Amino acid sequence: MNAALKKPKSSAEERAQELYTQRMGKINKKISHYDQGFFIAKCLKKISEIKRRNEISFDFEHVWILAIKISATSSGGTRRPGDNEIIDIINSLWRVHNCLIPYLEADSNPLVAMRAMISQQSTLQHNILSSHADIVRQANLLADNQCLDDYFKGKFGISISTYCFIWFLLLNQIGASETGSTEINLARLIYESYRYVALRDIYSFFRVFSVTVEELPQFFSKFTTYDSDFGSYFYDSPLKQKPFIFTGKAIRTISNNLSASSASFLLPHLFKDSKEISSTFKKVFTQKFENYIGAILVWTKLPYISEGEIKELYRRLGYSGKKSNVVDHMLTSPEAKIALIVESKGVEQTDFVKVILDTATLAKRLQDSHIKGIAQSQQCVHILQKDHVLKDYEFYSFIVVNDDYGFSDAESLERMIGTAALTGAPYPVCYPSPILLSRILFVRISTLEKICSSIQDGEYTLFELLERTKNPGQFNNLEKIHHSLTKAHPAEAVAKNISVDSPNIQALMFQKAGRSGSYPLIEYVNDVDRVIKSLAYQKYSI
């Protein structure tokens, strides 16, 4: 009878949520008694004092940023805590991640918990040069689209090219800072941009993307829906959408690391988050991203096969090319007998996906991107292996995405969410697989740029790089390759995106702002190239 009355064991999610509710309740109560302006100013000051020390350092920075949100959304009190009391609160807030412990028990999957924690911390370990690359890439892909540009001008008062150009110059200042936040040198910004950008554009930029301490409560009020859920602890700060703060005397970054991350994240987010333009953006970006991948694959000078040519090969083999079985690109290396198929999945879900703790929810959010890419790769290899030339080739697949989502290949995703989630998806993964799941790799676009640049420059062959992804017993070999290539050639892949014919350069030149047209175009290209190369030699931790 006692056994019948015994309560079933709660799930890891329920146990974690219970711990989170208890701990955050105490922390929120304490912070609610503090003077808002005083406490937030203390947090901002602490972030500003974080030293670069020639290495990436966050010093609990994400926790200080979370403390700002908690204070701004509390009722506020009158107490002004001392430094030691504030440190105690921050330490308590840091230890909230221990609520993940139920996910580490035998009946749960620890990979999901570790993924959320690593993603949270890596957000504020964003390399400045990577942000430069992301801004240049975004400008190249989006600046010349009239529909997107008209929307952006109407909504934010500036063009896409101006937005990217201002960010580029701001990142130069942020990259040179030796502290955790930077006071923006407006005189320098105006001087460096006056040939292309009007003063009103700079004003519009900061009006949209900065906030005052007094405005924080209203700003954060739009982001409290999920605050009671444990998963929200790992979400990126909403301040990625407002990375600058106006102090009344100056404009500062809230955090240099946050601003660098924001530069990479914000432009696509602004389009995806808009009901008015999101569907148009996805159509435009998907095609542009796919074309861009094809362009950088051509850098390698290896035999390149387009989607249309793959479909033609299918027809010769008696198959028709469909969304479920064809990929966007293929490279071959006849000498090494290697075939690399490449599928573009550029428009992914939001940053929320990177920290989902529930495997069923994660699988659902990935079914039209990562999981579909696995299924497409399998079907493509199944067909291509019937070709008399390719039947003896070793196949690899790159599923190209915009960011690192915490799993490097299909095999690691399988370990995380289980085979049932893969086989039960709308585009089901099949077993046995015609290609090893460990050879279906999720590759960031920035990694693909570096790989293709390295092959073009003769540093590595495609065979050598793919062999390095097979090192047994090592975690995320692809990420190790990314870091190695970045360390050896930090600027090359970025510089190759900048030319007189680049869409963003053309758009910047012909817009009616500042003194556009008075500055020789080649000088601007050379200036950008010089800035990138100078940044490359600074001692950033990659």
Protein backbone atom coordinates (compact mmCIF):
# COMPACT_ATOMS: atom_id res chain seq x y z
CA MET A 1 0.00 0.00 0.00
CA ASN A 2 2.84 2.36 0.87
CA ALA A 3 4.43 1.63 -2.48
CA ALA A 4 1.17 2.45 -4.22
CA LEU A 5 0.98 5.80 -2.45
CA LYS A 6 4.61 6.65 -3.13
CA LYS A 7 4.92 9.71 -5.34
CA PRO A 8 6.65 9.11 -8.67
CA LYS A 9 10.10 10.64 -8.98
CA SER A 10 9.96 14.09 -10.50
CA SER A 11 11.75 14.79 -13.77
CA ALA A 12 15.10 16.56 -14.04
CA GLU A 13 13.27 19.58 -15.41
CA GLU A 14 10.91 19.69 -12.42
CA ARG A 15 13.72 19.28 -9.89
CA ALA A 16 15.82 21.96 -11.57
CA GLN A 17 12.84 24.31 -11.72
CA GLU A 18 12.16 23.83 -8.00
CA LEU A 19 15.76 24.69 -7.11
CA TYR A 20 15.71 27.68 -9.44
CA THR A 21 12.48 29.06 -8.01
CA GLN A 22 13.85 28.85 -4.46
CA ARG A 23 17.21 30.45 -5.20
CA MET A 24 16.03 33.16 -7.57
CA GLY A 25 13.22 34.07 -5.19
CA LYS A 26 15.75 34.92 -2.49
CA ILE A 27 18.03 36.82 -4.88
CA ASN A 28 15.18 38.82 -6.41
CA LYS A 29 13.89 39.75 -2.96
CA LYS A 30 17.30 41.08 -1.89
CA ILE A 31 17.88 43.06 -5.06
CA SER A 32 14.37 44.54 -4.90
CA HIS A 33 15.35 46.37 -1.71
CA TYR A 34 18.26 48.15 -3.40
CA ASP A 35 18.20 51.61 -4.90
CA GLN A 36 17.88 50.84 -8.62
CA GLY A 37 20.05 53.63 -9.96
CA PHE A 38 22.78 53.01 -7.40
CA PHE A 39 22.88 49.23 -7.88
CA ILE A 40 22.81 49.38 -11.69
CA ALA A 41 25.57 52.00 -11.68
CA LYS A 42 27.67 49.70 -9.48
CA CYS A 43 27.16 46.80 -11.90
CA LEU A 44 28.07 48.93 -14.91
CA LYS A 45 31.17 50.20 -13.13
CA LYS A 46 32.28 46.67 -12.30
CA ILE A 47 31.89 45.59 -15.93
CA SER A 48 33.91 48.62 -17.06
CA GLU A 49 36.76 47.62 -14.73
CA ILE A 50 37.17 44.15 -16.22
CA LYS A 51 40.58 44.04 -17.86
CA ARG A 52 41.30 42.44 -21.20
CA ARG A 53 44.71 41.11 -20.10
CA ASN A 54 45.31 40.17 -23.75
CA GLU A 55 42.84 37.32 -23.35
CA ILE A 56 39.12 36.77 -23.40
CA SER A 57 37.76 37.33 -19.92
CA PHE A 58 34.21 37.62 -18.72
CA ASP A 59 34.76 37.62 -14.93
CA PHE A 60 31.15 36.57 -14.29
CA GLU A 61 30.22 39.33 -16.72
CA HIS A 62 27.01 37.66 -17.84
CA VAL A 63 25.92 37.53 -14.19
CA TRP A 64 26.52 41.26 -13.71
CA ILE A 65 24.41 41.89 -16.81
CA LEU A 66 21.66 39.62 -15.47
CA ALA A 67 21.76 41.49 -12.14
CA ILE A 68 21.07 44.73 -14.04
CA LYS A 69 17.94 43.19 -15.53
CA ILE A 70 16.72 41.88 -12.16
CA SER A 71 17.16 45.30 -10.56
CA ALA A 72 15.54 47.15 -13.46
CA THR A 73 12.46 44.92 -13.35
CA SER A 74 12.08 45.01 -9.55
CA SER A 75 9.99 47.47 -7.58
CA GLY A 76 13.17 49.09 -6.26
CA GLY A 77 14.03 50.21 -2.76
CA THR A 78 16.21 52.74 -1.02
CA ARG A 79 19.09 50.65 0.34
CA ARG A 80 22.57 51.24 -1.03
CA PRO A 81 24.50 48.01 -0.47
CA GLY A 82 28.23 47.95 0.15
CA ASP A 83 30.66 46.33 -2.26
CA ASN A 84 30.93 43.10 -0.25
CA GLU A 85 27.16 42.68 -0.17
CA ILE A 86 26.97 43.21 -3.92
CA ILE A 87 29.70 40.62 -4.49
CA ASP A 88 27.75 38.14 -2.32
CA ILE A 89 24.66 38.70 -4.46
CA ILE A 90 26.64 38.21 -7.67
CA ASN A 91 28.19 35.00 -6.34
CA SER A 92 24.74 33.71 -5.41
CA LEU A 93 23.50 34.55 -8.89
CA TRP A 94 26.48 32.78 -10.44
CA ARG A 95 25.78 29.63 -8.41
CA VAL A 96 22.25 29.40 -9.81
CA HIS A 97 23.73 27.38 -12.67
CA ASN A 98 24.13 24.59 -10.08
CA CYS A 99 20.41 24.03 -10.59
CA LEU A 100 21.56 22.05 -13.63
CA ILE A 101 22.68 19.23 -11.32
CA PRO A 102 19.45 17.21 -11.81
CA TYR A 103 20.29 17.08 -15.52
CA LEU A 104 23.60 15.41 -14.67
CA GLU A 105 21.96 12.47 -12.89
CA ALA A 106 21.74 9.00 -14.40
CA ASP A 107 18.19 9.38 -15.68
CA SER A 108 18.99 12.53 -17.68
CA ASN A 109 21.21 13.66 -20.53
CA PRO A 110 24.13 15.76 -19.24
CA LEU A 111 25.03 16.94 -22.75
CA VAL A 112 21.97 19.18 -22.83
CA ALA A 113 22.92 20.84 -19.55
CA MET A 114 26.55 21.36 -20.52
CA ARG A 115 25.50 22.79 -23.87
CA ALA A 116 23.34 25.45 -22.21
CA MET A 117 26.06 26.51 -19.78
CA ILE A 118 28.80 26.64 -22.43
CA SER A 119 26.59 28.64 -24.78
CA GLN A 120 25.76 31.15 -22.04
CA GLN A 121 29.40 31.80 -21.26
CA SER A 122 30.66 31.77 -24.85
CA THR A 123 28.25 34.57 -25.81
CA LEU A 124 30.51 36.97 -23.91
CA GLN A 125 33.71 35.51 -25.33
CA HIS A 126 33.06 36.90 -28.79
CA ASN A 127 36.16 37.83 -30.74
CA ILE A 128 36.22 41.36 -32.17
CA LEU A 129 37.65 40.19 -35.49
CA SER A 130 34.81 37.67 -35.79
CA SER A 131 32.37 40.53 -35.31
CA HIS A 132 34.09 42.49 -38.09
CA ALA A 133 33.74 39.46 -40.36
CA ASP A 134 30.06 39.07 -39.50
CA ILE A 135 29.31 42.74 -40.16
CA VAL A 136 31.12 42.68 -43.52
CA ARG A 137 29.30 39.49 -44.50
CA GLN A 138 25.89 40.85 -43.47
CA ALA A 139 26.50 44.02 -45.45
CA ASN A 140 27.52 42.06 -48.53
CA LEU A 141 24.44 39.85 -48.33
CA LEU A 142 21.79 42.45 -47.48
CA ALA A 143 22.83 46.04 -48.27
CA ASP A 144 21.90 45.99 -51.95
CA ASN A 145 18.38 44.58 -51.49
CA GLN A 146 16.00 47.48 -52.07
CA CYS A 147 13.05 45.99 -50.18
CA LEU A 148 15.04 45.23 -47.03
CA ASP A 149 16.88 48.54 -47.20
CA ASP A 150 13.66 50.54 -47.58
CA TYR A 151 12.17 48.79 -44.55
CA PHE A 152 15.32 49.39 -42.50
CA LYS A 153 15.43 53.09 -43.40
CA GLY A 154 11.76 53.52 -42.58
CA LYS A 155 12.03 51.70 -39.27
CA PHE A 156 15.41 52.88 -37.98
CA GLY A 157 16.23 55.98 -40.02
CA ILE A 158 19.43 54.69 -41.63
CA SER A 159 20.38 52.38 -44.48
CA ILE A 160 21.76 48.89 -43.97
CA SER A 161 25.14 49.93 -45.38
CA THR A 162 25.31 52.90 -43.00
CA TYR A 163 24.37 50.68 -40.06
CA CYS A 164 27.13 48.21 -40.93
CA PHE A 165 29.68 50.96 -41.58
CA ILE A 166 29.02 52.61 -38.20
CA TRP A 167 29.33 49.24 -36.48
CA PHE A 168 32.61 48.61 -38.29
CA LEU A 169 34.08 51.86 -36.97
CA LEU A 170 32.72 51.28 -33.46
CA LEU A 171 34.27 47.81 -33.37
CA ASN A 172 37.64 49.43 -34.12
CA GLN A 173 37.29 51.53 -30.96
CA ILE A 174 35.99 48.63 -28.88
CA GLY A 175 38.80 46.37 -30.09
CA ALA A 176 41.44 48.83 -28.88
CA SER A 177 39.95 49.10 -25.38
CA GLU A 178 41.80 47.63 -22.42
CA THR A 179 38.78 47.62 -20.12
CA GLY A 180 35.42 45.90 -19.98
CA SER A 181 33.46 48.75 -21.55
CA THR A 182 34.36 51.66 -23.80
CA GLU A 183 33.35 55.29 -23.91
CA ILE A 184 32.64 55.97 -27.57
CA ASN A 185 34.86 58.68 -29.02
CA LEU A 186 32.19 60.50 -31.01
CA ALA A 187 34.65 62.97 -32.52
CA ARG A 188 36.69 60.12 -33.93
CA LEU A 189 33.55 58.36 -35.18
CA ILE A 190 32.35 61.49 -36.96
CA TYR A 191 35.77 62.15 -38.49
CA GLU A 192 36.16 58.58 -39.76
CA SER A 193 32.65 58.41 -41.21
CA TYR A 194 31.95 61.91 -42.54
CA ARG A 195 32.74 60.98 -46.16
CA TYR A 196 29.76 58.61 -46.22
CA VAL A 197 27.58 59.19 -43.18
CA ALA A 198 25.62 62.27 -42.15
CA LEU A 199 25.51 63.37 -38.51
CA ARG A 200 21.81 62.56 -38.44
CA ASP A 201 22.67 58.93 -39.26
CA ILE A 202 24.98 58.65 -36.25
CA TYR A 203 22.27 60.21 -34.10
CA SER A 204 19.68 57.76 -35.47
CA PHE A 205 21.98 54.80 -34.79
CA PHE A 206 22.47 55.63 -31.13
CA ARG A 207 18.85 56.69 -30.66
CA VAL A 208 17.78 53.20 -31.69
CA PHE A 209 20.54 51.06 -30.19
CA SER A 210 21.29 52.79 -26.89
CA VAL A 211 19.37 53.16 -23.65
CA THR A 212 19.59 55.25 -20.48
CA VAL A 213 19.49 53.84 -16.95
CA GLU A 214 16.09 55.47 -16.51
CA GLU A 215 14.76 53.69 -19.61
CA LEU A 216 15.91 50.22 -18.53
CA PRO A 217 12.74 49.25 -16.58
CA GLN A 218 10.52 50.00 -19.57
CA PHE A 219 12.92 48.28 -21.96
CA PHE A 220 13.18 45.10 -19.87
CA SER A 221 9.41 44.94 -19.30
CA LYS A 222 9.11 43.41 -22.78
CA PHE A 223 11.39 40.52 -21.82
CA THR A 224 9.95 39.14 -18.57
CA THR A 225 7.56 36.51 -19.95
CA TYR A 226 9.86 33.57 -19.23
CA ASP A 227 11.75 34.90 -16.22
CA SER A 228 10.12 32.35 -13.90
CA ASP A 229 11.43 29.45 -16.03
CA PHE A 230 14.82 27.97 -15.19
CA GLY A 231 15.81 27.95 -18.87
CA SER A 232 15.61 31.76 -18.94
CA TYR A 233 18.73 31.90 -16.75
CA PHE A 234 20.77 30.87 -19.79
CA TYR A 235 19.14 33.15 -22.36
CA ASP A 236 21.19 35.88 -23.96
CA SER A 237 20.60 39.27 -22.38
CA PRO A 238 18.00 41.47 -24.09
CA LEU A 239 20.69 44.15 -23.90
CA LYS A 240 22.16 42.60 -27.05
CA GLN A 241 19.45 44.70 -28.71
CA LYS A 242 20.58 47.87 -26.87
CA PRO A 243 24.33 47.39 -26.37
CA PHE A 244 25.10 51.09 -25.71
CA ILE A 245 24.15 53.22 -22.71
CA PHE A 246 23.83 57.01 -22.58
CA THR A 247 25.08 58.25 -19.22
CA GLY A 248 24.04 61.87 -19.72
CA LYS A 249 27.62 62.86 -20.48
CA ALA A 250 28.77 60.15 -22.86
CA ILE A 251 27.78 57.05 -24.79
CA ARG A 252 29.42 53.84 -23.61
CA THR A 253 29.22 50.18 -24.42
CA ILE A 254 27.45 48.40 -21.59
CA SER A 255 30.03 45.68 -22.11
CA ASN A 256 32.60 45.35 -24.88
CA ASN A 257 31.99 41.62 -25.11
CA LEU A 258 28.23 42.13 -25.24
CA SER A 259 28.63 44.75 -27.98
CA ALA A 260 30.83 42.47 -30.08
CA SER A 261 28.26 39.71 -29.77
CA SER A 262 25.49 42.19 -30.58
CA ALA A 263 27.22 43.29 -33.79
CA SER A 264 27.07 39.70 -35.08
CA PHE A 265 23.52 39.05 -33.91
CA LEU A 266 21.48 42.21 -34.26
CA LEU A 267 20.87 42.86 -37.97
CA PRO A 268 19.40 39.44 -38.85
CA HIS A 269 17.41 39.52 -35.61
CA LEU A 270 15.81 42.86 -36.46
CA PHE A 271 14.46 41.40 -39.69
CA LYS A 272 13.47 37.99 -38.31
CA ASP A 273 11.67 39.60 -35.36
CA SER A 274 9.47 41.77 -37.58
CA LYS A 275 6.11 40.36 -38.73
CA GLU A 276 6.14 42.90 -41.53
CA ILE A 277 9.41 41.88 -43.19
CA SER A 278 10.48 38.50 -41.73
CA SER A 279 9.13 36.33 -44.56
CA THR A 280 10.74 38.57 -47.19
CA PHE A 281 14.00 38.56 -45.25
CA LYS A 282 14.06 34.78 -45.02
CA LYS A 283 13.50 34.39 -48.77
CA VAL A 284 16.16 36.97 -49.64
CA PHE A 285 18.70 35.79 -47.09
CA THR A 286 18.26 32.10 -47.88
CA GLN A 287 19.05 32.67 -51.57
CA LYS A 288 21.86 35.15 -50.90
CA PHE A 289 23.43 32.87 -48.31
CA GLU A 290 23.28 29.90 -50.66
CA ASN A 291 24.85 31.92 -53.49
CA TYR A 292 27.54 33.25 -51.17
CA ILE A 293 28.49 29.74 -50.09
CA GLY A 294 28.85 28.77 -53.74
CA ALA A 295 31.09 31.77 -54.34
CA ILE A 296 33.49 30.95 -51.51
CA LEU A 297 33.58 27.26 -52.44
CA VAL A 298 34.87 28.38 -55.84
CA TRP A 299 37.82 30.00 -54.01
CA THR A 300 39.27 26.50 -53.54
CA LYS A 301 39.63 26.00 -57.32
CA LEU A 302 38.48 22.40 -56.78
CA PRO A 303 35.93 20.89 -59.19
CA TYR A 304 32.64 22.55 -58.19
CA ILE A 305 29.17 21.17 -58.93
CA SER A 306 26.10 23.38 -58.48
CA GLU A 307 22.63 22.31 -57.36
CA GLY A 308 21.44 22.38 -60.97
CA GLU A 309 24.30 20.12 -62.04
CA ILE A 310 23.58 17.75 -59.13
CA LYS A 311 19.96 17.50 -60.31
CA GLU A 312 21.17 16.77 -63.84
CA LEU A 313 23.39 14.00 -62.48
CA TYR A 314 20.36 12.62 -60.62
CA ARG A 315 18.39 12.50 -63.87
CA ARG A 316 21.15 10.54 -65.56
CA LEU A 317 20.98 8.08 -62.67
CA GLY A 318 17.19 7.78 -62.92
CA TYR A 319 16.24 10.02 -59.99
CA SER A 320 14.53 13.38 -59.69
CA GLY A 321 15.92 16.15 -57.51
CA LYS A 322 13.61 17.09 -54.63
CA LYS A 323 13.88 19.20 -51.50
CA SER A 324 14.32 16.02 -49.49
CA ASN A 325 17.21 14.56 -51.47
CA VAL A 326 19.21 17.29 -53.18
CA VAL A 327 21.83 19.63 -51.72
CA ASP A 328 23.05 23.04 -52.82
CA HIS A 329 26.70 22.43 -53.73
CA MET A 330 29.41 19.81 -54.10
CA LEU A 331 33.19 19.85 -54.26
CA THR A 332 35.26 16.90 -55.40
CA SER A 333 38.90 16.01 -55.03
CA PRO A 334 39.62 13.40 -57.73
CA GLU A 335 43.18 12.80 -56.49
CA ALA A 336 42.03 12.00 -52.94
CA LYS A 337 38.72 10.48 -54.11
CA ILE A 338 36.72 12.71 -51.77
CA ALA A 339 33.32 14.27 -52.38
CA LEU A 340 32.09 17.08 -50.12
CA ILE A 341 28.39 17.89 -50.38
CA VAL A 342 27.31 21.23 -48.93
CA GLU A 343 23.83 22.28 -47.80
CA SER A 344 22.93 25.82 -46.74
CA LYS A 345 20.81 26.34 -43.61
CA GLY A 346 21.42 30.03 -43.09
CA VAL A 347 18.14 31.15 -41.53
CA GLU A 348 18.11 29.31 -38.22
CA GLN A 349 16.05 29.71 -35.12
CA THR A 350 16.83 32.35 -32.50
CA ASP A 351 19.56 32.25 -29.86
CA PHE A 352 16.95 30.58 -27.65
CA VAL A 353 17.69 27.33 -29.49
CA LYS A 354 21.26 27.30 -28.16
CA VAL A 355 20.13 26.88 -24.54
CA ILE A 356 16.99 24.71 -24.75
CA LEU A 357 17.11 22.18 -21.92
CA ASP A 358 14.25 19.94 -23.08
CA THR A 359 15.38 17.51 -25.78
CA ALA A 360 11.89 17.15 -27.30
CA THR A 361 11.60 20.92 -27.71
CA LEU A 362 15.12 21.10 -29.12
CA ALA A 363 14.38 18.38 -31.67
CA LYS A 364 11.21 20.17 -32.78
CA ARG A 365 13.05 23.46 -33.27
CA LEU A 366 15.77 21.75 -35.33
CA GLN A 367 13.58 19.57 -37.54
CA ASP A 368 13.43 22.00 -40.48
CA SER A 369 17.10 22.98 -40.36
CA HIS A 370 19.75 20.71 -38.84
CA ILE A 371 17.74 17.48 -38.92
CA LYS A 372 16.43 18.13 -42.41
CA GLY A 373 20.02 18.76 -43.50
CA ILE A 374 21.06 15.34 -42.18
CA ALA A 375 18.24 13.64 -44.09
CA GLN A 376 19.09 15.53 -47.29
CA SER A 377 22.74 14.54 -46.96
CA GLN A 378 21.85 10.87 -46.53
CA GLN A 379 19.52 10.82 -49.53
CA CYS A 380 22.02 12.69 -51.69
CA VAL A 381 24.88 10.32 -50.85
CA HIS A 382 22.60 7.31 -51.42
CA ILE A 383 21.96 8.50 -54.99
CA LEU A 384 25.44 9.79 -55.84
CA GLN A 385 27.09 6.54 -54.77
CA LYS A 386 25.38 4.93 -57.78
CA ASP A 387 27.44 7.06 -60.16
CA HIS A 388 30.27 5.09 -61.78
CA VAL A 389 32.80 7.82 -60.93
CA LEU A 390 31.64 8.67 -57.41
CA LYS A 391 30.93 5.13 -56.21
CA ASP A 392 34.50 4.77 -54.90
CA TYR A 393 34.60 8.24 -53.31
CA GLU A 394 34.57 8.94 -49.59
CA PHE A 395 31.68 11.29 -48.80
CA TYR A 396 31.49 14.15 -46.31
CA SER A 397 28.70 16.64 -45.77
CA PHE A 398 28.85 20.24 -44.55
CA ILE A 399 25.57 21.69 -43.29
CA VAL A 400 26.43 25.38 -43.21
CA VAL A 401 24.86 27.44 -40.43
CA ASN A 402 25.36 30.91 -38.98
CA ASP A 403 26.39 29.98 -35.46
CA ASP A 404 27.65 27.23 -33.18
CA TYR A 405 24.66 25.43 -31.66
CA GLY A 406 26.62 23.13 -29.38
CA PHE A 407 26.87 20.02 -31.57
CA SER A 408 29.51 19.62 -34.25
CA ASP A 409 28.10 16.74 -36.27
CA ALA A 410 25.06 14.51 -36.72
CA GLU A 411 26.52 11.90 -34.39
CA SER A 412 26.83 14.38 -31.50
CA LEU A 413 23.28 15.62 -32.16
CA GLU A 414 22.09 12.01 -32.08
CA ARG A 415 23.72 11.55 -28.66
CA MET A 416 22.00 14.70 -27.44
CA ILE A 417 18.40 14.18 -28.59
CA GLY A 418 18.25 10.44 -29.33
CA THR A 419 17.61 8.41 -32.47
CA ALA A 420 13.81 8.49 -32.06
CA ALA A 421 13.80 12.27 -32.46
CA LEU A 422 15.80 11.93 -35.68
CA THR A 423 13.77 9.13 -37.22
CA GLY A 424 10.46 10.71 -36.19
CA ALA A 425 11.12 14.10 -37.80
CA PRO A 426 9.18 15.30 -40.89
CA TYR A 427 12.39 14.70 -42.87
CA PRO A 428 13.43 11.48 -41.11
CA VAL A 429 17.02 10.39 -40.65
CA CYS A 430 17.49 6.84 -41.90
CA TYR A 431 19.38 3.92 -40.40
CA PRO A 432 21.69 2.47 -41.49
CA SER A 433 23.11 5.66 -42.86
CA PRO A 434 24.87 5.66 -46.27
CA ILE A 435 27.30 8.19 -44.80
CA LEU A 436 28.79 8.07 -41.31
CA LEU A 437 26.90 10.48 -39.04
CA SER A 438 30.27 11.72 -37.78
CA ARG A 439 31.00 12.94 -41.33
CA ILE A 440 27.84 15.06 -41.52
CA LEU A 441 29.25 18.22 -40.01
CA PHE A 442 27.52 21.41 -38.87
CA VAL A 443 29.87 24.12 -40.11
CA ARG A 444 29.65 27.80 -39.23
CA ILE A 445 29.85 30.09 -42.25
CA SER A 446 32.91 31.75 -40.70
CA THR A 447 34.60 28.34 -40.50
CA LEU A 448 33.77 27.59 -44.13
CA GLU A 449 35.30 30.93 -45.14
CA LYS A 450 38.52 30.03 -43.34
CA ILE A 451 38.62 26.51 -44.76
CA CYS A 452 38.14 27.71 -48.34
CA SER A 453 40.63 30.54 -47.86
CA SER A 454 43.20 28.11 -46.47
CA ILE A 455 42.77 25.75 -49.43
CA GLN A 456 42.96 28.66 -51.88
CA ASP A 457 46.22 29.83 -50.29
CA GLY A 458 47.74 26.35 -50.46
CA GLU A 459 48.06 26.00 -46.70
CA TYR A 460 46.02 22.80 -46.59
CA THR A 461 44.30 20.47 -49.02
CA LEU A 462 40.66 19.54 -48.62
CA PHE A 463 41.76 16.01 -47.78
CA GLU A 464 44.05 17.21 -44.97
CA LEU A 465 41.35 19.35 -43.39
CA LEU A 466 38.70 16.65 -43.57
CA GLU A 467 41.11 14.13 -42.08
CA ARG A 468 41.53 16.44 -39.09
CA THR A 469 37.80 16.18 -38.38
CA LYS A 470 38.21 12.43 -37.82
CA ASN A 471 40.58 12.54 -34.82
CA PRO A 472 39.05 10.04 -32.39
CA GLY A 473 38.60 10.90 -28.74
CA GLN A 474 38.69 14.66 -29.25
CA PHE A 475 35.79 17.00 -28.58
CA ASN A 476 34.54 19.07 -31.52
CA ASN A 477 37.42 18.66 -33.95
CA LEU A 478 35.79 21.10 -36.35
CA GLU A 479 35.93 23.87 -33.75
CA LYS A 480 39.62 23.11 -33.20
CA ILE A 481 40.19 23.54 -36.94
CA HIS A 482 38.30 26.85 -36.86
CA HIS A 483 40.47 28.17 -34.03
CA SER A 484 43.67 26.91 -35.66
CA LEU A 485 42.89 28.59 -38.99
CA THR A 486 41.83 31.81 -37.26
CA LYS A 487 45.05 31.93 -35.30
CA ALA A 488 47.19 31.35 -38.39
CA HIS A 489 45.28 33.67 -40.75
CA PRO A 490 42.91 35.84 -38.71
CA ALA A 491 42.12 38.45 -41.36
CA GLU A 492 42.42 36.85 -44.78
CA ALA A 493 38.91 35.44 -45.07
CA VAL A 494 37.44 38.79 -44.01
CA ALA A 495 39.56 40.82 -46.42
CA LYS A 496 38.51 38.61 -49.33
CA ASN A 497 34.94 39.82 -48.81
CA ILE A 498 35.93 43.43 -49.44
CA SER A 499 36.36 44.75 -52.96
CA VAL A 500 35.33 47.69 -55.09
CA ASP A 501 32.46 45.57 -56.43
CA SER A 502 31.15 44.46 -53.01
CA PRO A 503 27.41 45.25 -52.77
CA ASN A 504 27.78 47.02 -49.43
CA ILE A 505 30.60 49.22 -50.73
CA GLN A 506 28.53 50.17 -53.77
CA ALA A 507 25.47 50.88 -51.61
CA LEU A 508 27.50 53.03 -49.24
CA MET A 509 28.98 55.02 -52.09
CA PHE A 510 25.73 55.87 -53.85
CA GLN A 511 23.45 56.63 -50.92
CA LYS A 512 22.63 60.28 -50.34
CA ALA A 513 24.27 60.79 -46.98
CA GLY A 514 27.28 62.65 -45.69
CA ARG A 515 29.67 63.44 -48.51
CA SER A 516 29.13 60.25 -50.50
CA GLY A 517 31.00 60.21 -53.78
CA SER A 518 33.73 62.64 -52.70
CA TYR A 519 36.04 59.90 -51.47
CA PRO A 520 37.70 57.58 -54.00
CA LEU A 521 36.20 54.13 -53.62
CA ILE A 522 39.50 52.31 -53.73
CA GLU A 523 40.73 54.40 -50.78
CA TYR A 524 37.83 53.18 -48.67
CA VAL A 525 38.53 49.56 -49.62
CA ASN A 526 42.19 50.04 -48.70
CA ASP A 527 41.23 51.69 -45.40
CA VAL A 528 39.03 48.76 -44.42
CA ASP A 529 41.69 46.28 -45.43
CA ARG A 530 44.27 48.19 -43.37
CA VAL A 531 42.03 48.21 -40.30
CA ILE A 532 41.41 44.48 -40.51
CA LYS A 533 45.09 43.69 -40.89
CA SER A 534 46.02 45.91 -37.94
CA LEU A 535 43.40 44.22 -35.79
CA ALA A 536 44.71 40.83 -36.82
CA TYR A 537 48.06 41.51 -35.21
CA GLN A 538 46.60 42.50 -31.86
CA LYS A 539 46.83 39.76 -29.27
CA TYR A 540 43.25 38.57 -29.19
CA SER A 541 42.58 35.13 -27.81
CA ILE A 542 41.00 33.13 -30.62
